[in-house]
Amino acid sequence: MPTFIDRIRSVSRMRNLIRRARTWYWKRRYGVAGVDISFLLNPGCDLASDFVAGPYGYMNSGCRISPRVRVGKYVMFGPEVMITGSDHHFDEPGVPINFSGRPELPQTLIGDDCWLGARCIIMAGIEIGRGSIIASGAIVTKSVEPYSIIAGVPARVIRKRFPTEEGEQIHDAMLAEPPHGGEFCEPKK
């Protein structure tokens, strides 16, 4: 007779299997081959076909991601996050903006273990350093140093994620290990 722990493990395995099947479906539907199978995608997102995402991340509903975006492992997107902008010429006198053309879109990089809060906007070409947190509603117009917590319009650093450099080194060592799974956003006991 299976023990209580065995039952919990089997439920957890089933949940992971369902998540992987759902992600496989949404990857096919969005046409994003560069997304790791363990990255959870929710419906209702608008993703460029060249979107690349590492393992064990999560994207909530309603996100809009422009071309040339690369995301590391363990990255979380809140609902309706946008990565956009920097894609129109506007400084040609005598030519309407919609006829001025577009420059090549710059690469946007989001490091490992970042959390992008609900409805934040990140301008294309920005680099978000590993371990950073972007507050809900923030508009990020400049690159972000690792382990920063930023908020506001335009976004500014409000503090560091870890109070000591030792905390950053411990976290860097964990991020250097091969990716490993866990339970997504399970409550702490």
C-alpha atoms as a PDB file:
ATOM      1  CA  MET A   1       0.000   0.000   0.000  1.00  0.00           C
ATOM      2  CA  PRO A   2       1.494   3.391  -1.003  1.00  0.00           C
ATOM      3  CA  THR A   3       2.399   5.756   1.782  1.00  0.00           C
ATOM      4  CA  PHE A   4       1.167   9.334   2.028  1.00  0.00           C
ATOM      5  CA  ILE A   5       4.548  10.593   0.768  1.00  0.00           C
ATOM      6  CA  ASP A   6       4.351   8.260  -2.266  1.00  0.00           C
ATOM      7  CA  ARG A   7       0.914   9.652  -3.116  1.00  0.00           C
ATOM      8  CA  ILE A   8       2.202  13.218  -2.887  1.00  0.00           C
ATOM      9  CA  ARG A   9       5.159  12.351  -5.128  1.00  0.00           C
ATOM     10  CA  SER A  10       2.875  10.761  -7.726  1.00  0.00           C
ATOM     11  CA  VAL A  11       0.618  13.856  -7.719  1.00  0.00           C
ATOM     12  CA  SER A  12       3.697  16.054  -8.112  1.00  0.00           C
ATOM     13  CA  ARG A  13       4.938  13.929 -11.032  1.00  0.00           C
ATOM     14  CA  MET A  14       1.529  14.121 -12.678  1.00  0.00           C
ATOM     15  CA  ARG A  15       1.425  17.897 -12.211  1.00  0.00           C
ATOM     16  CA  ASN A  16       4.866  18.225 -13.820  1.00  0.00           C
ATOM     17  CA  LEU A  17       3.794  15.994 -16.718  1.00  0.00           C
ATOM     18  CA  ILE A  18       0.692  18.125 -17.301  1.00  0.00           C
ATOM     19  CA  ARG A  19       2.790  21.325 -17.159  1.00  0.00           C
ATOM     20  CA  ARG A  20       5.252  19.950 -19.716  1.00  0.00           C
ATOM     21  CA  ALA A  21       2.418  18.888 -22.050  1.00  0.00           C
ATOM     22  CA  ARG A  22       0.815  22.318 -21.742  1.00  0.00           C
ATOM     23  CA  THR A  23       4.133  24.039 -22.447  1.00  0.00           C
ATOM     24  CA  TRP A  24       4.735  21.791 -25.466  1.00  0.00           C
ATOM     25  CA  TYR A  25       1.317  22.783 -26.809  1.00  0.00           C
ATOM     26  CA  TRP A  26       1.865  26.531 -26.320  1.00  0.00           C
ATOM     27  CA  LYS A  27       5.382  26.357 -27.789  1.00  0.00           C
ATOM     28  CA  ARG A  28       3.895  24.781 -30.917  1.00  0.00           C
ATOM     29  CA  ARG A  29       1.011  27.270 -31.004  1.00  0.00           C
ATOM     30  CA  TYR A  30       3.293  30.314 -30.576  1.00  0.00           C
ATOM     31  CA  GLY A  31       5.959  28.864 -32.879  1.00  0.00           C
ATOM     32  CA  VAL A  32       8.773  29.460 -30.387  1.00  0.00           C
ATOM     33  CA  ALA A  33      11.288  26.662 -30.789  1.00  0.00           C
ATOM     34  CA  GLY A  34      13.887  28.370 -28.577  1.00  0.00           C
ATOM     35  CA  VAL A  35      11.886  27.974 -25.370  1.00  0.00           C
ATOM     36  CA  ASP A  36      12.997  25.201 -23.009  1.00  0.00           C
ATOM     37  CA  ILE A  37      10.376  22.496 -22.419  1.00  0.00           C
ATOM     38  CA  SER A  38      10.402  23.204 -18.660  1.00  0.00           C
ATOM     39  CA  PHE A  39       9.591  26.917 -19.211  1.00  0.00           C
ATOM     40  CA  LEU A  40       5.888  27.375 -18.372  1.00  0.00           C
ATOM     41  CA  LEU A  41       3.966  29.422 -20.950  1.00  0.00           C
ATOM     42  CA  ASN A  42       0.429  30.583 -20.289  1.00  0.00           C
ATOM     43  CA  PRO A  43      -2.132  31.350 -22.987  1.00  0.00           C
ATOM     44  CA  GLY A  44      -2.785  34.830 -24.317  1.00  0.00           C
ATOM     45  CA  CYS A  45       0.822  35.895 -24.903  1.00  0.00           C
ATOM     46  CA  ASP A  46       2.180  37.567 -28.033  1.00  0.00           C
ATOM     47  CA  LEU A  47       5.704  36.224 -28.566  1.00  0.00           C
ATOM     48  CA  ALA A  48       8.159  36.813 -31.396  1.00  0.00           C
ATOM     49  CA  SER A  49       9.110  33.539 -33.068  1.00  0.00           C
ATOM     50  CA  ASP A  50      12.798  34.047 -32.178  1.00  0.00           C
ATOM     51  CA  PHE A  51      12.088  34.293 -28.418  1.00  0.00           C
ATOM     52  CA  VAL A  52      14.626  32.212 -26.456  1.00  0.00           C
ATOM     53  CA  ALA A  53      14.018  31.190 -22.828  1.00  0.00           C
ATOM     54  CA  GLY A  54      16.019  28.990 -20.479  1.00  0.00           C
ATOM     55  CA  PRO A  55      14.741  26.235 -18.215  1.00  0.00           C
ATOM     56  CA  TYR A  56      12.324  26.472 -15.300  1.00  0.00           C
ATOM     57  CA  GLY A  57      10.959  29.909 -16.064  1.00  0.00           C
ATOM     58  CA  TYR A  58       7.362  31.080 -16.046  1.00  0.00           C
ATOM     59  CA  MET A  59       5.397  33.483 -18.247  1.00  0.00           C
ATOM     60  CA  ASN A  60       1.981  34.646 -17.109  1.00  0.00           C
ATOM     61  CA  SER A  61      -0.878  35.566 -19.455  1.00  0.00           C
ATOM     62  CA  GLY A  62      -0.942  38.639 -21.663  1.00  0.00           C
ATOM     63  CA  CYS A  63       2.812  39.185 -22.088  1.00  0.00           C
ATOM     64  CA  ARG A  64       3.963  40.888 -25.322  1.00  0.00           C
ATOM     65  CA  ILE A  65       7.555  40.124 -26.276  1.00  0.00           C
ATOM     66  CA  SER A  66       9.239  41.760 -29.275  1.00  0.00           C
ATOM     67  CA  PRO A  67      11.924  40.098 -31.441  1.00  0.00           C
ATOM     68  CA  ARG A  68      15.526  39.505 -30.309  1.00  0.00           C
ATOM     69  CA  VAL A  69      14.811  38.692 -26.651  1.00  0.00           C
ATOM     70  CA  ARG A  70      16.846  36.103 -24.723  1.00  0.00           C
ATOM     71  CA  VAL A  71      15.874  35.013 -21.215  1.00  0.00           C
ATOM     72  CA  GLY A  72      17.959  32.985 -18.745  1.00  0.00           C
ATOM     73  CA  LYS A  73      16.892  30.177 -16.432  1.00  0.00           C
ATOM     74  CA  TYR A  74      14.406  30.585 -13.548  1.00  0.00           C
ATOM     75  CA  VAL A  75      12.939  33.844 -14.935  1.00  0.00           C
ATOM     76  CA  MET A  76       9.375  34.800 -13.934  1.00  0.00           C
ATOM     77  CA  PHE A  77       7.138  37.111 -15.959  1.00  0.00           C
ATOM     78  CA  GLY A  78       4.104  38.598 -14.248  1.00  0.00           C
ATOM     79  CA  PRO A  79       0.923  39.206 -16.241  1.00  0.00           C
ATOM     80  CA  GLU A  80       1.015  41.639 -19.169  1.00  0.00           C
ATOM     81  CA  VAL A  81       4.777  42.302 -19.160  1.00  0.00           C
ATOM     82  CA  MET A  82       5.930  44.090 -22.332  1.00  0.00           C
ATOM     83  CA  ILE A  83       9.342  44.155 -23.965  1.00  0.00           C
ATOM     84  CA  THR A  84       9.013  46.686 -26.755  1.00  0.00           C
ATOM     85  CA  GLY A  85      10.090  49.980 -28.265  1.00  0.00           C
ATOM     86  CA  SER A  86      13.131  51.481 -29.962  1.00  0.00           C
ATOM     87  CA  ASP A  87      11.735  50.407 -33.303  1.00  0.00           C
ATOM     88  CA  HIS A  88      10.855  53.562 -35.268  1.00  0.00           C
ATOM     89  CA  HIS A  89      12.882  56.394 -36.762  1.00  0.00           C
ATOM     90  CA  PHE A  90      11.319  59.652 -35.593  1.00  0.00           C
ATOM     91  CA  ASP A  91      13.995  62.275 -36.288  1.00  0.00           C
ATOM     92  CA  GLU A  92      13.672  62.802 -40.050  1.00  0.00           C
ATOM     93  CA  PRO A  93      12.234  66.275 -40.768  1.00  0.00           C
ATOM     94  CA  GLY A  94       9.444  66.283 -43.339  1.00  0.00           C
ATOM     95  CA  VAL A  95       8.736  62.527 -43.056  1.00  0.00           C
ATOM     96  CA  PRO A  96       5.886  61.132 -40.936  1.00  0.00           C
ATOM     97  CA  ILE A  97       7.032  58.633 -38.313  1.00  0.00           C
ATOM     98  CA  ASN A  98       5.068  55.784 -39.864  1.00  0.00           C
ATOM     99  CA  PHE A  99       6.974  56.291 -43.173  1.00  0.00           C
ATOM    100  CA  SER A 100      10.426  56.816 -41.630  1.00  0.00           C
ATOM    101  CA  GLY A 101      11.297  53.128 -41.379  1.00  0.00           C
ATOM    102  CA  ARG A 102      12.715  51.115 -38.539  1.00  0.00           C
ATOM    103  CA  PRO A 103      16.240  50.537 -37.312  1.00  0.00           C
ATOM    104  CA  GLU A 104      17.451  47.007 -36.591  1.00  0.00           C
ATOM    105  CA  LEU A 105      16.016  46.040 -33.225  1.00  0.00           C
ATOM    106  CA  PRO A 106      18.714  45.670 -30.533  1.00  0.00           C
ATOM    107  CA  GLN A 107      19.124  42.437 -28.521  1.00  0.00           C
ATOM    108  CA  THR A 108      17.344  42.390 -25.143  1.00  0.00           C
ATOM    109  CA  LEU A 109      18.922  40.147 -22.476  1.00  0.00           C
ATOM    110  CA  ILE A 110      17.336  39.069 -19.211  1.00  0.00           C
ATOM    111  CA  GLY A 111      19.685  37.231 -16.859  1.00  0.00           C
ATOM    112  CA  ASP A 112      19.042  34.145 -14.743  1.00  0.00           C
ATOM    113  CA  ASP A 113      16.579  34.250 -11.831  1.00  0.00           C
ATOM    114  CA  CYS A 114      14.896  37.573 -12.620  1.00  0.00           C
ATOM    115  CA  TRP A 115      11.352  38.485 -11.669  1.00  0.00           C
ATOM    116  CA  LEU A 116       9.476  40.897 -13.927  1.00  0.00           C
ATOM    117  CA  GLY A 117       6.400  42.229 -12.126  1.00  0.00           C
ATOM    118  CA  ALA A 118       2.939  42.693 -13.598  1.00  0.00           C
ATOM    119  CA  ARG A 119       2.616  45.246 -16.380  1.00  0.00           C
ATOM    120  CA  CYS A 120       6.227  46.354 -16.302  1.00  0.00           C
ATOM    121  CA  ILE A 121       7.597  47.669 -19.604  1.00  0.00           C
ATOM    122  CA  ILE A 122      11.157  47.003 -20.690  1.00  0.00           C
ATOM    123  CA  MET A 123      12.506  48.953 -23.640  1.00  0.00           C
ATOM    124  CA  ALA A 124      14.182  46.837 -26.331  1.00  0.00           C
ATOM    125  CA  GLY A 125      17.964  46.654 -26.096  1.00  0.00           C
ATOM    126  CA  ILE A 126      18.072  46.660 -22.296  1.00  0.00           C
ATOM    127  CA  GLU A 127      20.076  44.147 -20.272  1.00  0.00           C
ATOM    128  CA  ILE A 128      18.566  43.024 -16.968  1.00  0.00           C
ATOM    129  CA  GLY A 129      21.302  41.618 -14.714  1.00  0.00           C
ATOM    130  CA  ARG A 130      20.909  38.189 -13.082  1.00  0.00           C
ATOM    131  CA  GLY A 131      18.832  38.016  -9.940  1.00  0.00           C
ATOM    132  CA  SER A 132      17.113  41.370 -10.490  1.00  0.00           C
ATOM    133  CA  ILE A 133      13.529  42.203  -9.627  1.00  0.00           C
ATOM    134  CA  ILE A 134      11.481  44.692 -11.652  1.00  0.00           C
ATOM    135  CA  ALA A 135       8.485  46.076  -9.732  1.00  0.00           C
ATOM    136  CA  SER A 136       4.982  46.003 -11.144  1.00  0.00           C
ATOM    137  CA  GLY A 137       4.288  48.928 -13.444  1.00  0.00           C
ATOM    138  CA  ALA A 138       7.943  49.982 -13.757  1.00  0.00           C
ATOM    139  CA  ILE A 139       9.217  51.343 -17.075  1.00  0.00           C
ATOM    140  CA  VAL A 140      12.808  50.228 -17.602  1.00  0.00           C
ATOM    141  CA  THR A 141      14.753  52.532 -19.925  1.00  0.00           C
ATOM    142  CA  LYS A 142      18.318  51.667 -18.866  1.00  0.00           C
ATOM    143  CA  SER A 143      20.221  48.442 -18.235  1.00  0.00           C
ATOM    144  CA  VAL A 144      19.989  47.010 -14.708  1.00  0.00           C
ATOM    145  CA  GLU A 145      22.887  45.817 -12.540  1.00  0.00           C
ATOM    146  CA  PRO A 146      22.717  42.257 -11.152  1.00  0.00           C
ATOM    147  CA  TYR A 147      20.678  41.694  -7.969  1.00  0.00           C
ATOM    148  CA  SER A 148      18.954  45.084  -8.149  1.00  0.00           C
ATOM    149  CA  ILE A 149      15.367  45.774  -7.193  1.00  0.00           C
ATOM    150  CA  ILE A 150      14.029  48.571  -9.345  1.00  0.00           C
ATOM    151  CA  ALA A 151      10.732  50.443  -9.460  1.00  0.00           C
ATOM    152  CA  GLY A 152       9.145  53.601 -10.816  1.00  0.00           C
ATOM    153  CA  VAL A 153       8.669  55.555 -14.017  1.00  0.00           C
ATOM    154  CA  PRO A 154      11.375  55.711 -15.205  1.00  0.00           C
ATOM    155  CA  ALA A 155      12.652  52.804 -13.129  1.00  0.00           C
ATOM    156  CA  ARG A 156      15.391  53.402 -10.547  1.00  0.00           C
ATOM    157  CA  VAL A 157      17.219  51.139  -8.105  1.00  0.00           C
ATOM    158  CA  ILE A 158      15.455  51.112  -4.750  1.00  0.00           C
ATOM    159  CA  ARG A 159      17.769  48.575  -3.103  1.00  0.00           C
ATOM    160  CA  LYS A 160      19.842  45.454  -3.663  1.00  0.00           C
ATOM    161  CA  ARG A 161      18.190  42.021  -3.465  1.00  0.00           C
ATOM    162  CA  PHE A 162      20.713  40.669  -0.960  1.00  0.00           C
ATOM    163  CA  PRO A 163      22.059  42.837   1.863  1.00  0.00           C
ATOM    164  CA  THR A 164      25.634  41.485   1.589  1.00  0.00           C
ATOM    165  CA  GLU A 165      28.073  40.575  -1.147  1.00  0.00           C
ATOM    166  CA  GLU A 166      28.301  37.129   0.450  1.00  0.00           C
ATOM    167  CA  GLY A 167      24.599  36.567  -0.335  1.00  0.00           C
ATOM    168  CA  GLU A 168      25.270  37.426  -3.996  1.00  0.00           C
ATOM    169  CA  GLN A 169      28.219  34.988  -4.092  1.00  0.00           C
ATOM    170  CA  ILE A 170      26.106  32.177  -2.614  1.00  0.00           C
ATOM    171  CA  HIS A 171      23.377  32.855  -5.173  1.00  0.00           C
ATOM    172  CA  ASP A 172      25.921  33.052  -8.030  1.00  0.00           C
ATOM    173  CA  ALA A 173      27.236  29.617  -7.002  1.00  0.00           C
ATOM    174  CA  MET A 174      23.680  28.189  -7.125  1.00  0.00           C
ATOM    175  CA  LEU A 175      23.071  29.742 -10.573  1.00  0.00           C
ATOM    176  CA  ALA A 176      26.350  28.239 -11.843  1.00  0.00           C
ATOM    177  CA  GLU A 177      25.017  24.727 -11.124  1.00  0.00           C
ATOM    178  CA  PRO A 178      23.084  22.847 -13.812  1.00  0.00           C
ATOM    179  CA  PRO A 179      19.391  23.852 -13.809  1.00  0.00           C
ATOM    180  CA  HIS A 180      17.178  21.806 -11.528  1.00  0.00           C
ATOM    181  CA  GLY A 181      13.431  21.688 -11.050  1.00  0.00           C
ATOM    182  CA  GLY A 182      11.246  22.309  -8.075  1.00  0.00           C
ATOM    183  CA  GLU A 183       7.668  23.238  -7.296  1.00  0.00           C
ATOM    184  CA  PHE A 184       6.663  26.507  -8.944  1.00  0.00           C
ATOM    185  CA  CYS A 185       5.712  29.119  -6.340  1.00  0.00           C
ATOM    186  CA  GLU A 186       4.663  26.665  -3.660  1.00  0.00           C
ATOM    187  CA  PRO A 187       4.016  28.292  -0.266  1.00  0.00           C
ATOM    188  CA  LYS A 188       6.852  28.055   2.270  1.00  0.00           C
ATOM    189  CA  LYS A 189       6.111  25.845   5.242  1.00  0.00           C
END
